[in-house]
Amino acid sequence: MEEWLWVLGIGFVVGVIGKIIRRERDPGGFFMPMLVGMGGAALAAMLGPAMGLFYLGTMPGYLAVTVSAAILVFLLTVAHR
C-alpha cells in the first residue's frame, strides 16, 4: 500500500513539473497534467511487475514509474499544440 502512495505522489509531482514548464493555457485545465502523470505512474506500476520487468519499492521500479509519467505528460503537451 505504501508503494502505491509513492507511485501516485511521483506521478503528481511529475505533472506539477510539467505544468510549471509549460505555462501556456491548455484546454485540459490546471489539474490535467497531474492526473495524466498519476495515470502514467499507475499504469507503469501495474504493467511492470506483471511483465516481470521490475518490482515496486525498488529503485528501478520508481525510475520506471517516473519515466512513464513523464512520457505521458510530454505526450499530453504535444497533443495540445
PDB file of N, CA and C in Angstrom:
ATOM      1  N   MET A   1       0.813  -1.191   0.000  1.00  0.00           N
ATOM      2  CA  MET A   1       0.000   0.000   0.000  1.00  0.00           C
ATOM      3  C   MET A   1       0.860   1.260   0.000  1.00  0.00           C
ATOM      4  N   GLU A   2       1.929   1.219   0.772  1.00  0.00           N
ATOM      5  CA  GLU A   2       2.823   2.380   0.834  1.00  0.00           C
ATOM      6  C   GLU A   2       3.456   2.672  -0.516  1.00  0.00           C
ATOM      7  N   GLU A   3       3.751   1.619  -1.274  1.00  0.00           N
ATOM      8  CA  GLU A   3       4.347   1.821  -2.595  1.00  0.00           C
ATOM      9  C   GLU A   3       3.401   2.573  -3.510  1.00  0.00           C
ATOM     10  N   TRP A   4       2.102   2.305  -3.424  1.00  0.00           N
ATOM     11  CA  TRP A   4       1.134   2.989  -4.283  1.00  0.00           C
ATOM     12  C   TRP A   4       1.023   4.462  -3.940  1.00  0.00           C
ATOM     13  N   LEU A   5       1.189   4.802  -2.684  1.00  0.00           N
ATOM     14  CA  LEU A   5       1.199   6.221  -2.325  1.00  0.00           C
ATOM     15  C   LEU A   5       2.394   6.920  -2.955  1.00  0.00           C
ATOM     16  N   TRP A   6       3.535   6.249  -2.950  1.00  0.00           N
ATOM     17  CA  TRP A   6       4.720   6.812  -3.606  1.00  0.00           C
ATOM     18  C   TRP A   6       4.499   6.938  -5.107  1.00  0.00           C
ATOM     19  N   VAL A   7       3.901   5.926  -5.704  1.00  0.00           N
ATOM     20  CA  VAL A   7       3.647   5.943  -7.150  1.00  0.00           C
ATOM     21  C   VAL A   7       2.755   7.129  -7.520  1.00  0.00           C
ATOM     22  N   LEU A   8       1.658   7.299  -6.808  1.00  0.00           N
ATOM     23  CA  LEU A   8       0.752   8.408  -7.111  1.00  0.00           C
ATOM     24  C   LEU A   8       1.404   9.750  -6.799  1.00  0.00           C
ATOM     25  N   GLY A   9       2.210   9.801  -5.753  1.00  0.00           N
ATOM     26  CA  GLY A   9       2.926  11.040  -5.431  1.00  0.00           C
ATOM     27  C   GLY A   9       3.933  11.408  -6.502  1.00  0.00           C
ATOM     28  N   ILE A  10       4.651  10.416  -7.002  1.00  0.00           N
ATOM     29  CA  ILE A  10       5.614  10.666  -8.080  1.00  0.00           C
ATOM     30  C   ILE A  10       4.885  11.168  -9.324  1.00  0.00           C
ATOM     31  N   GLY A  11       3.783  10.531  -9.673  1.00  0.00           N
ATOM     32  CA  GLY A  11       3.011  10.966 -10.830  1.00  0.00           C
ATOM     33  C   GLY A  11       2.487  12.380 -10.667  1.00  0.00           C
ATOM     34  N   PHE A  12       2.051  12.727  -9.473  1.00  0.00           N
ATOM     35  CA  PHE A  12       1.554  14.073  -9.210  1.00  0.00           C
ATOM     36  C   PHE A  12       2.669  15.100  -9.362  1.00  0.00           C
ATOM     37  N   VAL A  13       3.835  14.806  -8.793  1.00  0.00           N
ATOM     38  CA  VAL A  13       4.971  15.739  -8.877  1.00  0.00           C
ATOM     39  C   VAL A  13       5.426  15.904 -10.319  1.00  0.00           C
ATOM     40  N   VAL A  14       5.470  14.829 -11.083  1.00  0.00           N
ATOM     41  CA  VAL A  14       5.841  14.925 -12.498  1.00  0.00           C
ATOM     42  C   VAL A  14       4.830  15.805 -13.235  1.00  0.00           C
ATOM     43  N   GLY A  15       3.545  15.661 -12.920  1.00  0.00           N
ATOM     44  CA  GLY A  15       2.529  16.507 -13.535  1.00  0.00           C
ATOM     45  C   GLY A  15       2.673  17.973 -13.167  1.00  0.00           C
ATOM     46  N   VAL A  16       3.008  18.241 -11.908  1.00  0.00           N
ATOM     47  CA  VAL A  16       3.227  19.625 -11.470  1.00  0.00           C
ATOM     48  C   VAL A  16       4.414  20.234 -12.209  1.00  0.00           C
ATOM     49  N   ILE A  17       5.488  19.475 -12.314  1.00  0.00           N
ATOM     50  CA  ILE A  17       6.666  19.976 -13.031  1.00  0.00           C
ATOM     51  C   ILE A  17       6.331  20.226 -14.492  1.00  0.00           C
ATOM     52  N   GLY A  18       5.561  19.325 -15.103  1.00  0.00           N
ATOM     53  CA  GLY A  18       5.140  19.527 -16.487  1.00  0.00           C
ATOM     54  C   GLY A  18       4.287  20.771 -16.652  1.00  0.00           C
ATOM     55  N   LYS A  19       3.433  21.050 -15.685  1.00  0.00           N
ATOM     56  CA  LYS A  19       2.589  22.245 -15.754  1.00  0.00           C
ATOM     57  C   LYS A  19       3.419  23.507 -15.560  1.00  0.00           C
ATOM     58  N   ILE A  20       4.416  23.446 -14.688  1.00  0.00           N
ATOM     59  CA  ILE A  20       5.284  24.606 -14.467  1.00  0.00           C
ATOM     60  C   ILE A  20       6.117  24.898 -15.709  1.00  0.00           C
ATOM     61  N   ILE A  21       6.647  23.861 -16.337  1.00  0.00           N
ATOM     62  CA  ILE A  21       7.474  24.044 -17.532  1.00  0.00           C
ATOM     63  C   ILE A  21       6.636  24.620 -18.666  1.00  0.00           C
ATOM     64  N   ARG A  22       5.434  24.120 -18.819  1.00  0.00           N
ATOM     65  CA  ARG A  22       4.552  24.582 -19.898  1.00  0.00           C
ATOM     66  C   ARG A  22       3.535  25.551 -19.301  1.00  0.00           C
ATOM     67  N   ARG A  23       3.816  26.791 -19.406  1.00  0.00           N
ATOM     68  CA  ARG A  23       2.985  27.812 -18.780  1.00  0.00           C
ATOM     69  C   ARG A  23       1.845  28.281 -19.668  1.00  0.00           C
ATOM     70  N   GLU A  24       1.666  27.656 -20.786  1.00  0.00           N
ATOM     71  CA  GLU A  24       0.584  28.054 -21.690  1.00  0.00           C
ATOM     72  C   GLU A  24      -0.759  27.604 -21.127  1.00  0.00           C
ATOM     73  N   ARG A  25      -1.787  28.245 -21.603  1.00  0.00           N
ATOM     74  CA  ARG A  25      -3.132  27.866 -21.205  1.00  0.00           C
ATOM     75  C   ARG A  25      -3.571  26.697 -22.083  1.00  0.00           C
ATOM     76  N   ASP A  26      -4.022  25.627 -21.457  1.00  0.00           N
ATOM     77  CA  ASP A  26      -4.440  24.479 -22.245  1.00  0.00           C
ATOM     78  C   ASP A  26      -5.878  24.100 -21.906  1.00  0.00           C
ATOM     79  N   PRO A  27      -6.567  23.447 -22.836  1.00  0.00           N
ATOM     80  CA  PRO A  27      -7.970  23.128 -22.622  1.00  0.00           C
ATOM     81  C   PRO A  27      -8.207  22.108 -21.519  1.00  0.00           C
ATOM     82  N   GLY A  28      -7.191  21.388 -21.110  1.00  0.00           N
ATOM     83  CA  GLY A  28      -7.348  20.383 -20.069  1.00  0.00           C
ATOM     84  C   GLY A  28      -7.483  20.959 -18.681  1.00  0.00           C
ATOM     85  N   GLY A  29      -7.132  22.207 -18.513  1.00  0.00           N
ATOM     86  CA  GLY A  29      -7.233  22.822 -17.206  1.00  0.00           C
ATOM     87  C   GLY A  29      -5.962  22.668 -16.391  1.00  0.00           C
ATOM     88  N   PHE A  30      -6.039  23.105 -15.156  1.00  0.00           N
ATOM     89  CA  PHE A  30      -4.866  23.115 -14.290  1.00  0.00           C
ATOM     90  C   PHE A  30      -4.478  21.715 -13.828  1.00  0.00           C
ATOM     91  N   PHE A  31      -5.445  20.857 -13.536  1.00  0.00           N
ATOM     92  CA  PHE A  31      -5.152  19.561 -12.934  1.00  0.00           C
ATOM     93  C   PHE A  31      -4.909  18.438 -13.938  1.00  0.00           C
ATOM     94  N   MET A  32      -5.125  18.684 -15.211  1.00  0.00           N
ATOM     95  CA  MET A  32      -4.974  17.627 -16.205  1.00  0.00           C
ATOM     96  C   MET A  32      -3.563  17.026 -16.236  1.00  0.00           C
ATOM     97  N   PRO A  33      -2.477  17.819 -16.242  1.00  0.00           N
ATOM     98  CA  PRO A  33      -1.151  17.195 -16.234  1.00  0.00           C
ATOM     99  C   PRO A  33      -0.898  16.348 -14.989  1.00  0.00           C
ATOM    100  N   MET A  34      -1.433  16.754 -13.841  1.00  0.00           N
ATOM    101  CA  MET A  34      -1.258  15.977 -12.631  1.00  0.00           C
ATOM    102  C   MET A  34      -1.981  14.631 -12.733  1.00  0.00           C
ATOM    103  N   LEU A  35      -3.206  14.665 -13.267  1.00  0.00           N
ATOM    104  CA  LEU A  35      -3.963  13.422 -13.418  1.00  0.00           C
ATOM    105  C   LEU A  35      -3.317  12.487 -14.440  1.00  0.00           C
ATOM    106  N   VAL A  36      -2.814  13.057 -15.518  1.00  0.00           N
ATOM    107  CA  VAL A  36      -2.134  12.240 -16.532  1.00  0.00           C
ATOM    108  C   VAL A  36      -0.843  11.646 -15.960  1.00  0.00           C
ATOM    109  N   GLY A  37      -0.109  12.429 -15.183  1.00  0.00           N
ATOM    110  CA  GLY A  37       1.103  11.923 -14.541  1.00  0.00           C
ATOM    111  C   GLY A  37       0.803  10.789 -13.577  1.00  0.00           C
ATOM    112  N   MET A  38      -0.246  10.954 -12.801  1.00  0.00           N
ATOM    113  CA  MET A  38      -0.634   9.903 -11.864  1.00  0.00           C
ATOM    114  C   MET A  38      -1.109   8.650 -12.603  1.00  0.00           C
ATOM    115  N   GLY A  39      -1.825   8.855 -13.702  1.00  0.00           N
ATOM    116  CA  GLY A  39      -2.267   7.718 -14.506  1.00  0.00           C
ATOM    117  C   GLY A  39      -1.112   6.979 -15.151  1.00  0.00           C
ATOM    118  N   GLY A  40      -0.138   7.729 -15.659  1.00  0.00           N
ATOM    119  CA  GLY A  40       1.037   7.094 -16.259  1.00  0.00           C
ATOM    120  C   GLY A  40       1.854   6.329 -15.239  1.00  0.00           C
ATOM    121  N   ALA A  41       1.975   6.881 -14.059  1.00  0.00           N
ATOM    122  CA  ALA A  41       2.704   6.202 -12.995  1.00  0.00           C
ATOM    123  C   ALA A  41       1.977   4.928 -12.572  1.00  0.00           C
ATOM    124  N   ALA A  42       0.655   5.017 -12.452  1.00  0.00           N
ATOM    125  CA  ALA A  42      -0.125   3.843 -12.061  1.00  0.00           C
ATOM    126  C   ALA A  42      -0.075   2.762 -13.137  1.00  0.00           C
ATOM    127  N   LEU A  43      -0.106   3.171 -14.388  1.00  0.00           N
ATOM    128  CA  LEU A  43      -0.018   2.207 -15.485  1.00  0.00           C
ATOM    129  C   LEU A  43       1.308   1.451 -15.446  1.00  0.00           C
ATOM    130  N   ALA A  44       2.392   2.169 -15.250  1.00  0.00           N
ATOM    131  CA  ALA A  44       3.697   1.517 -15.159  1.00  0.00           C
ATOM    132  C   ALA A  44       3.785   0.634 -13.924  1.00  0.00           C
ATOM    133  N   ALA A  45       3.166   1.074 -12.827  1.00  0.00           N
ATOM    134  CA  ALA A  45       3.212   0.290 -11.593  1.00  0.00           C
ATOM    135  C   ALA A  45       2.421  -1.010 -11.716  1.00  0.00           C
ATOM    136  N   MET A  46       1.441  -1.045 -12.611  1.00  0.00           N
ATOM    137  CA  MET A  46       0.677  -2.277 -12.815  1.00  0.00           C
ATOM    138  C   MET A  46       1.323  -3.178 -13.855  1.00  0.00           C
ATOM    139  N   LEU A  47       1.782  -2.575 -14.955  1.00  0.00           N
ATOM    140  CA  LEU A  47       2.307  -3.390 -16.056  1.00  0.00           C
ATOM    141  C   LEU A  47       3.718  -3.922 -15.804  1.00  0.00           C
ATOM    142  N   GLY A  48       4.583  -3.106 -15.195  1.00  0.00           N
ATOM    143  CA  GLY A  48       5.968  -3.524 -14.975  1.00  0.00           C
ATOM    144  C   GLY A  48       6.106  -4.799 -14.165  1.00  0.00           C
ATOM    145  N   PRO A  49       5.511  -4.864 -12.967  1.00  0.00           N
ATOM    146  CA  PRO A  49       5.604  -6.101 -12.191  1.00  0.00           C
ATOM    147  C   PRO A  49       4.885  -7.276 -12.851  1.00  0.00           C
ATOM    148  N   ALA A  50       3.776  -6.999 -13.555  1.00  0.00           N
ATOM    149  CA  ALA A  50       3.052  -8.086 -14.222  1.00  0.00           C
ATOM    150  C   ALA A  50       3.890  -8.715 -15.327  1.00  0.00           C
ATOM    151  N   MET A  51       4.730  -7.891 -15.961  1.00  0.00           N
ATOM    152  CA  MET A  51       5.599  -8.397 -17.023  1.00  0.00           C
ATOM    153  C   MET A  51       6.935  -8.891 -16.481  1.00  0.00           C
ATOM    154  N   GLY A  52       7.171  -8.718 -15.192  1.00  0.00           N
ATOM    155  CA  GLY A  52       8.404  -9.174 -14.582  1.00  0.00           C
ATOM    156  C   GLY A  52       9.591  -8.264 -14.840  1.00  0.00           C
ATOM    157  N   LEU A  53       9.338  -7.016 -15.219  1.00  0.00           N
ATOM    158  CA  LEU A  53      10.426  -6.092 -15.539  1.00  0.00           C
ATOM    159  C   LEU A  53      11.044  -5.460 -14.293  1.00  0.00           C
ATOM    160  N   PHE A  54      10.223  -5.127 -13.315  1.00  0.00           N
ATOM    161  CA  PHE A  54      10.691  -4.513 -12.073  1.00  0.00           C
ATOM    162  C   PHE A  54       9.632  -4.736 -11.005  1.00  0.00           C
ATOM    163  N   TYR A  55       9.970  -4.394  -9.786  1.00  0.00           N
ATOM    164  CA  TYR A  55       9.033  -4.517  -8.675  1.00  0.00           C
ATOM    165  C   TYR A  55       8.911  -3.185  -7.966  1.00  0.00           C
ATOM    166  N   LEU A  56       7.724  -2.891  -7.459  1.00  0.00           N
ATOM    167  CA  LEU A  56       7.525  -1.661  -6.712  1.00  0.00           C
ATOM    168  C   LEU A  56       8.330  -1.705  -5.422  1.00  0.00           C
ATOM    169  N   GLY A  57       8.776  -0.564  -4.999  1.00  0.00           N
ATOM    170  CA  GLY A  57       9.576  -0.485  -3.783  1.00  0.00           C
ATOM    171  C   GLY A  57      11.059  -0.574  -4.044  1.00  0.00           C
ATOM    172  N   THR A  58      11.446  -0.717  -5.313  1.00  0.00           N
ATOM    173  CA  THR A  58      12.866  -0.767  -5.671  1.00  0.00           C
ATOM    174  C   THR A  58      13.193   0.460  -6.522  1.00  0.00           C
ATOM    175  N   MET A  59      14.462   0.776  -6.610  1.00  0.00           N
ATOM    176  CA  MET A  59      14.885   1.942  -7.388  1.00  0.00           C
ATOM    177  C   MET A  59      14.509   1.808  -8.867  1.00  0.00           C
ATOM    178  N   PRO A  60      14.723   0.648  -9.516  1.00  0.00           N
ATOM    179  CA  PRO A  60      14.288   0.548 -10.918  1.00  0.00           C
ATOM    180  C   PRO A  60      12.779   0.731 -11.076  1.00  0.00           C
ATOM    181  N   GLY A  61      12.017   0.289 -10.099  1.00  0.00           N
ATOM    182  CA  GLY A  61      10.568   0.467 -10.157  1.00  0.00           C
ATOM    183  C   GLY A  61      10.174   1.928 -10.103  1.00  0.00           C
ATOM    184  N   TYR A  62      10.764   2.668  -9.168  1.00  0.00           N
ATOM    185  CA  TYR A  62      10.449   4.094  -9.066  1.00  0.00           C
ATOM    186  C   TYR A  62      10.962   4.871 -10.276  1.00  0.00           C
ATOM    187  N   LEU A  63      12.088   4.474 -10.827  1.00  0.00           N
ATOM    188  CA  LEU A  63      12.602   5.120 -12.030  1.00  0.00           C
ATOM    189  C   LEU A  63      11.666   4.874 -13.213  1.00  0.00           C
ATOM    190  N   ALA A  64      11.187   3.650 -13.358  1.00  0.00           N
ATOM    191  CA  ALA A  64      10.270   3.333 -14.454  1.00  0.00           C
ATOM    192  C   ALA A  64       8.948   4.080 -14.300  1.00  0.00           C
ATOM    193  N   VAL A  65       8.467   4.213 -13.076  1.00  0.00           N
ATOM    194  CA  VAL A  65       7.236   4.946 -12.817  1.00  0.00           C
ATOM    195  C   VAL A  65       7.410   6.414 -13.190  1.00  0.00           C
ATOM    196  N   THR A  66       8.550   6.993 -12.813  1.00  0.00           N
ATOM    197  CA  THR A  66       8.826   8.394 -13.106  1.00  0.00           C
ATOM    198  C   THR A  66       8.920   8.631 -14.610  1.00  0.00           C
ATOM    199  N   VAL A  67       9.641   7.773 -15.298  1.00  0.00           N
ATOM    200  CA  VAL A  67       9.807   7.922 -16.752  1.00  0.00           C
ATOM    201  C   VAL A  67       8.460   7.751 -17.462  1.00  0.00           C
ATOM    202  N   SER A  68       7.671   6.793 -17.036  1.00  0.00           N
ATOM    203  CA  SER A  68       6.366   6.576 -17.654  1.00  0.00           C
ATOM    204  C   SER A  68       5.460   7.792 -17.470  1.00  0.00           C
ATOM    205  N   ALA A  69       5.442   8.340 -16.274  1.00  0.00           N
ATOM    206  CA  ALA A  69       4.621   9.533 -16.030  1.00  0.00           C
ATOM    207  C   ALA A  69       5.110  10.708 -16.863  1.00  0.00           C
ATOM    208  N   ALA A  70       6.424  10.877 -16.960  1.00  0.00           N
ATOM    209  CA  ALA A  70       6.981  11.992 -17.730  1.00  0.00           C
ATOM    210  C   ALA A  70       6.653  11.854 -19.215  1.00  0.00           C
ATOM    211  N   ILE A  71       6.696  10.642 -19.736  1.00  0.00           N
ATOM    212  CA  ILE A  71       6.377  10.427 -21.147  1.00  0.00           C
ATOM    213  C   ILE A  71       4.922  10.782 -21.426  1.00  0.00           C
ATOM    214  N   LEU A  72       4.018  10.364 -20.559  1.00  0.00           N
ATOM    215  CA  LEU A  72       2.614  10.673 -20.798  1.00  0.00           C
ATOM    216  C   LEU A  72       2.317  12.156 -20.640  1.00  0.00           C
ATOM    217  N   VAL A  73       2.945  12.824 -19.687  1.00  0.00           N
ATOM    218  CA  VAL A  73       2.751  14.269 -19.554  1.00  0.00           C
ATOM    219  C   VAL A  73       3.312  14.981 -20.781  1.00  0.00           C
ATOM    220  N   PHE A  74       4.451  14.517 -21.295  1.00  0.00           N
ATOM    221  CA  PHE A  74       5.013  15.098 -22.516  1.00  0.00           C
ATOM    222  C   PHE A  74       4.075  14.882 -23.696  1.00  0.00           C
ATOM    223  N   LEU A  75       3.500  13.687 -23.825  1.00  0.00           N
ATOM    224  CA  LEU A  75       2.568  13.423 -24.918  1.00  0.00           C
ATOM    225  C   LEU A  75       1.319  14.286 -24.798  1.00  0.00           C
ATOM    226  N   LEU A  76       0.884  14.561 -23.584  1.00  0.00           N
ATOM    227  CA  LEU A  76      -0.242  15.467 -23.390  1.00  0.00           C
ATOM    228  C   LEU A  76       0.113  16.862 -23.884  1.00  0.00           C
ATOM    229  N   THR A  77       1.326  17.297 -23.604  1.00  0.00           N
ATOM    230  CA  THR A  77       1.784  18.613 -24.042  1.00  0.00           C
ATOM    231  C   THR A  77       1.827  18.680 -25.572  1.00  0.00           C
ATOM    232  N   VAL A  78       2.334  17.653 -26.199  1.00  0.00           N
ATOM    233  CA  VAL A  78       2.448  17.625 -27.660  1.00  0.00           C
ATOM    234  C   VAL A  78       1.061  17.558 -28.288  1.00  0.00           C
ATOM    235  N   ALA A  79       0.139  16.836 -27.680  1.00  0.00           N
ATOM    236  CA  ALA A  79      -1.202  16.675 -28.250  1.00  0.00           C
ATOM    237  C   ALA A  79      -1.992  17.967 -28.232  1.00  0.00           C
ATOM    238  N   HIS A  80      -1.679  18.862 -27.300  1.00  0.00           N
ATOM    239  CA  HIS A  80      -2.418  20.113 -27.186  1.00  0.00           C
ATOM    240  C   HIS A  80      -1.855  21.224 -28.062  1.00  0.00           C
ATOM    241  N   ARG A  81      -0.845  20.969 -28.818  1.00  0.00           N
ATOM    242  CA  ARG A  81      -0.265  22.009 -29.683  1.00  0.00           C
ATOM    243  C   ARG A  81      -0.919  22.032 -31.021  1.00  0.00           C
TER     244      ARG A  81
END
